[in-house]
Amino acid sequence: MKRAWQRILAGIAVSCGMAVATVAASELVIYGFEGGTEGWVIPDWAKTSADYGVTEVSVSTTQVVEGTSSLEIRADFPGGQWSGAYVERQVEVTDWTPFSRLVVSIYAPSDAPPGLLGRIILTVGNEWTWTEMNRAIPLKPGEWTELSVNLKPGSMDWKFFPDEEFRKSVRKIGIRIESDKEPAYHGSVFVDNVRVVE
C-alpha cells in the first residue's frame, strides 16, 4: 500500500514540479519545497481576520533542514493579543492509512523572541472537519523544532480522539505559528521537511 502511495505522490510531484524524496525506508517527505511553494497558500479567511497576521508565503534558501529550499512565512504579530500565522495545502492523496505519524520541521530565527509556538492542523472527512493539535509546541529561536503527531486511532495528540476513518480521508494539512498574547514579532518563520512516517 505504501509503495502505491509513493508512486501516486511521485506522479503528482512530477506534474506539479515538486520534489518528493524518501529519506528512509519508513519515512516519506511529501513537501520539501524544492519545486516552489508546492500549493501552500494563505487562505482568504486568514487574510481578512484580525487575529491572523500572515503577510506572505514564499520559497527561501536561507534556512533549510532538508534539500535546498524551505517555505518562508512572514508573520506580523502585534503583541498583547493572541495572533496566528496560518498556511495550508489541499492534499491530492487523501488516504493516509499506511502511515502512523506526521512530522513537520519549523525554524524560528535567532532574532525571534521566545514564546512563539507551532501547531499542525488537519481538515478531515466528508464534512471537512477542522482538527488541530491538542497543544502548541514552543519554537526555540535559532533552532529547528520538530512537530510530530500520531495519526493512529485514539491518538491523544488531537483535540478529539480520532478513529480509523481519520487517516482515510485527509483533505488539507495546515501549519499555524502562534503568539499567545506575547510576544510581538514582525519577521519570518521557516517550514521544511513535511513528512509522513510508517
Protein backbone atom coordinates (compact mmCIF):
# COMPACT_ATOMS: atom_id res chain seq x y z
CA MET A 1 0.00 0.00 0.00
CA LYS A 2 2.74 2.44 0.92
CA ARG A 3 4.64 1.81 -2.34
CA ALA A 4 1.48 2.56 -4.29
CA TRP A 5 1.03 5.72 -2.24
CA GLN A 6 4.62 6.74 -3.03
CA ARG A 7 4.09 6.16 -6.75
CA ILE A 8 0.96 8.32 -6.72
CA LEU A 9 2.81 11.08 -4.86
CA ALA A 10 5.74 10.87 -7.26
CA GLY A 11 3.34 11.30 -10.19
CA ILE A 12 1.77 14.33 -8.52
CA ALA A 13 5.23 15.72 -7.82
CA VAL A 14 6.26 15.49 -11.47
CA SER A 15 3.05 17.14 -12.67
CA CYS A 16 3.36 19.96 -10.12
CA GLY A 17 7.12 20.43 -10.32
CA MET A 18 7.50 19.19 -6.74
CA ALA A 19 10.34 17.13 -5.33
CA VAL A 20 9.22 14.17 -3.23
CA ALA A 21 12.02 12.28 -1.52
CA THR A 22 12.19 9.10 0.51
CA VAL A 23 14.59 9.85 3.38
CA ALA A 24 14.39 6.42 5.00
CA ALA A 25 12.55 3.17 4.44
CA SER A 26 9.90 4.26 6.94
CA GLU A 27 9.62 7.98 6.04
CA LEU A 28 8.34 9.88 3.03
CA VAL A 29 8.93 13.61 2.51
CA ILE A 30 5.72 14.92 0.98
CA TYR A 31 6.61 18.63 0.94
CA GLY A 32 10.25 19.71 0.78
CA PHE A 33 9.62 22.97 -1.15
CA GLU A 34 12.27 22.19 -3.76
CA GLY A 35 9.78 22.97 -6.52
CA GLY A 36 8.33 26.21 -5.13
CA THR A 37 5.61 26.73 -2.55
CA GLU A 38 4.04 23.47 -3.77
CA GLY A 39 0.49 24.71 -3.41
CA TRP A 40 0.76 26.09 0.14
CA VAL A 41 -1.28 29.28 0.50
CA ILE A 42 -2.72 31.74 2.97
CA PRO A 43 -6.48 31.04 2.93
CA ASP A 44 -8.71 34.02 2.16
CA TRP A 45 -10.39 33.91 5.58
CA ALA A 46 -6.99 34.29 7.32
CA LYS A 47 -6.13 37.32 5.17
CA THR A 48 -9.19 39.17 6.45
CA SER A 49 -9.20 38.01 10.09
CA ALA A 50 -7.99 40.43 12.76
CA ASP A 51 -6.49 37.52 14.72
CA TYR A 52 -4.30 36.30 11.88
CA GLY A 53 -1.10 38.12 10.99
CA VAL A 54 0.50 36.48 7.98
CA THR A 55 1.56 38.71 5.13
CA GLU A 56 3.39 36.49 2.65
CA VAL A 57 4.38 32.94 1.78
CA SER A 58 7.40 32.25 -0.43
CA VAL A 59 10.28 29.86 -1.00
CA SER A 60 13.59 30.52 0.73
CA THR A 61 17.10 29.10 0.66
CA THR A 62 18.09 30.98 3.83
CA GLN A 63 17.19 28.20 6.30
CA VAL A 64 16.76 24.56 5.31
CA VAL A 65 16.74 21.26 7.14
CA GLU A 66 16.36 19.04 4.04
CA GLY A 67 17.24 19.75 0.42
CA THR A 68 17.98 23.33 -0.63
CA SER A 69 14.71 25.19 0.00
CA SER A 70 12.08 25.79 2.65
CA LEU A 71 8.75 27.60 2.95
CA GLU A 72 9.11 31.10 4.41
CA ILE A 73 6.11 32.51 6.30
CA ARG A 74 6.14 36.24 7.03
CA ALA A 75 4.35 36.85 10.33
CA ASP A 76 3.08 40.13 11.73
CA PHE A 77 2.21 39.73 15.43
CA PRO A 78 1.36 42.98 17.25
CA GLY A 79 1.72 41.54 20.76
CA GLY A 80 -0.76 41.99 23.61
CA GLN A 81 -3.28 39.62 21.99
CA TRP A 82 -3.44 36.12 20.52
CA SER A 83 -2.24 36.11 16.92
CA GLY A 84 -1.70 33.33 14.41
CA ALA A 85 0.01 32.96 11.04
CA TYR A 86 -1.68 30.13 9.17
CA VAL A 87 -0.86 28.43 5.85
CA GLU A 88 -2.42 25.32 4.34
CA ARG A 89 -2.48 22.99 1.38
CA GLN A 90 -5.22 20.79 -0.01
CA VAL A 91 -3.84 17.28 -0.50
CA GLU A 92 -4.34 15.12 -3.58
CA VAL A 93 -3.76 11.77 -1.85
CA THR A 94 -6.32 11.64 0.96
CA ASP A 95 -5.81 8.08 2.26
CA TRP A 96 -3.01 8.17 4.85
CA THR A 97 -3.72 4.78 6.43
CA PRO A 98 -0.21 3.40 5.62
CA PHE A 99 1.28 5.98 7.97
CA SER A 100 1.26 6.45 11.72
CA ARG A 101 2.81 9.89 12.19
CA LEU A 102 3.03 13.30 10.52
CA VAL A 103 6.18 15.34 11.19
CA VAL A 104 6.96 18.98 10.34
CA SER A 105 10.17 20.94 10.94
CA ILE A 106 9.85 24.64 11.83
CA TYR A 107 12.65 27.19 12.26
CA ALA A 108 12.35 30.43 14.24
CA PRO A 109 15.27 32.79 13.51
CA SER A 110 17.73 33.63 16.28
CA ASP A 111 16.35 37.17 16.49
CA ALA A 112 12.79 35.91 17.04
CA PRO A 113 11.54 36.38 20.61
CA PRO A 114 10.95 33.39 22.89
CA GLY A 115 7.31 32.40 23.17
CA LEU A 116 6.37 31.64 19.56
CA LEU A 117 4.50 28.35 19.11
CA GLY A 118 3.83 25.91 16.28
CA ARG A 119 0.79 23.73 15.66
CA ILE A 120 -0.31 21.27 12.95
CA ILE A 121 -3.92 21.32 11.75
CA LEU A 122 -5.69 18.75 9.56
CA THR A 123 -9.01 19.00 7.76
CA VAL A 124 -10.52 15.53 7.50
CA GLY A 125 -13.58 13.60 6.33
CA ASN A 126 -16.54 14.28 4.07
CA GLU A 127 -17.59 17.18 6.29
CA TRP A 128 -14.13 18.74 6.02
CA THR A 129 -13.77 18.78 9.80
CA TRP A 130 -11.04 21.04 11.21
CA THR A 131 -8.92 19.43 13.92
CA GLU A 132 -5.75 20.75 15.48
CA MET A 133 -3.01 19.54 17.77
CA ASN A 134 -4.03 19.33 21.40
CA ARG A 135 -1.19 21.65 22.38
CA ALA A 136 1.10 24.03 20.55
CA ILE A 137 4.84 23.33 20.62
CA PRO A 138 7.29 26.08 21.70
CA LEU A 139 9.69 27.18 18.97
CA LYS A 140 13.27 27.77 20.11
CA PRO A 141 14.87 30.81 18.45
CA GLY A 142 17.82 29.85 16.27
CA GLU A 143 16.88 26.15 16.13
CA TRP A 144 14.76 23.76 14.09
CA THR A 145 11.87 22.36 16.11
CA GLU A 146 10.08 19.15 15.12
CA LEU A 147 6.33 18.90 15.46
CA SER A 148 5.27 15.25 15.43
CA VAL A 149 1.70 13.98 15.70
CA ASN A 150 0.28 10.48 15.98
CA LEU A 151 -2.28 9.69 13.27
CA LYS A 152 -3.45 6.39 14.74
CA PRO A 153 -6.93 5.79 16.22
CA GLY A 154 -7.17 7.00 19.82
CA SER A 155 -4.23 9.40 19.47
CA MET A 156 -4.13 11.98 22.25
CA ASP A 157 -2.26 14.47 20.06
CA TRP A 158 -5.52 15.96 18.73
CA LYS A 159 -8.42 17.93 20.18
CA PHE A 160 -10.56 14.81 19.79
CA PHE A 161 -9.61 11.12 19.77
CA PRO A 162 -9.54 10.08 16.10
CA ASP A 163 -10.91 6.79 14.82
CA GLU A 164 -9.63 4.77 11.86
CA GLU A 165 -11.60 6.97 9.44
CA PHE A 166 -9.38 9.91 10.46
CA ARG A 167 -6.46 8.69 8.32
CA LYS A 168 -8.61 7.52 5.44
CA SER A 169 -9.81 10.96 4.44
CA VAL A 170 -7.28 13.75 4.98
CA ARG A 171 -8.38 16.78 2.94
CA LYS A 172 -6.00 19.56 3.99
CA ILE A 173 -2.84 19.99 6.02
CA GLY A 174 -2.22 23.30 7.77
CA ILE A 175 0.52 24.84 9.91
CA ARG A 176 -0.08 27.68 12.33
CA ILE A 177 2.55 29.82 14.06
CA GLU A 178 1.12 31.41 17.19
CA SER A 179 1.85 34.25 19.56
CA ASP A 180 -0.26 33.78 22.69
CA LYS A 181 -0.69 37.44 23.75
CA GLU A 182 3.05 37.86 23.86
CA PRO A 183 5.41 38.32 22.11
CA ALA A 184 5.22 40.88 19.33
CA TYR A 185 7.08 39.71 16.24
CA HIS A 186 7.43 41.02 12.71
CA GLY A 187 9.54 38.58 10.74
CA SER A 188 9.92 35.17 9.16
CA VAL A 189 9.40 31.58 10.27
CA PHE A 190 10.52 28.69 8.05
CA VAL A 191 8.84 25.32 7.42
CA ASP A 192 10.57 22.33 5.84
CA ASN A 193 10.69 18.55 5.62
CA VAL A 194 6.96 17.83 5.93
CA ARG A 195 6.87 14.04 6.06
CA VAL A 196 4.80 11.01 6.95
CA VAL A 197 6.19 8.07 8.91
CA GLU A 198 5.17 4.44 8.56
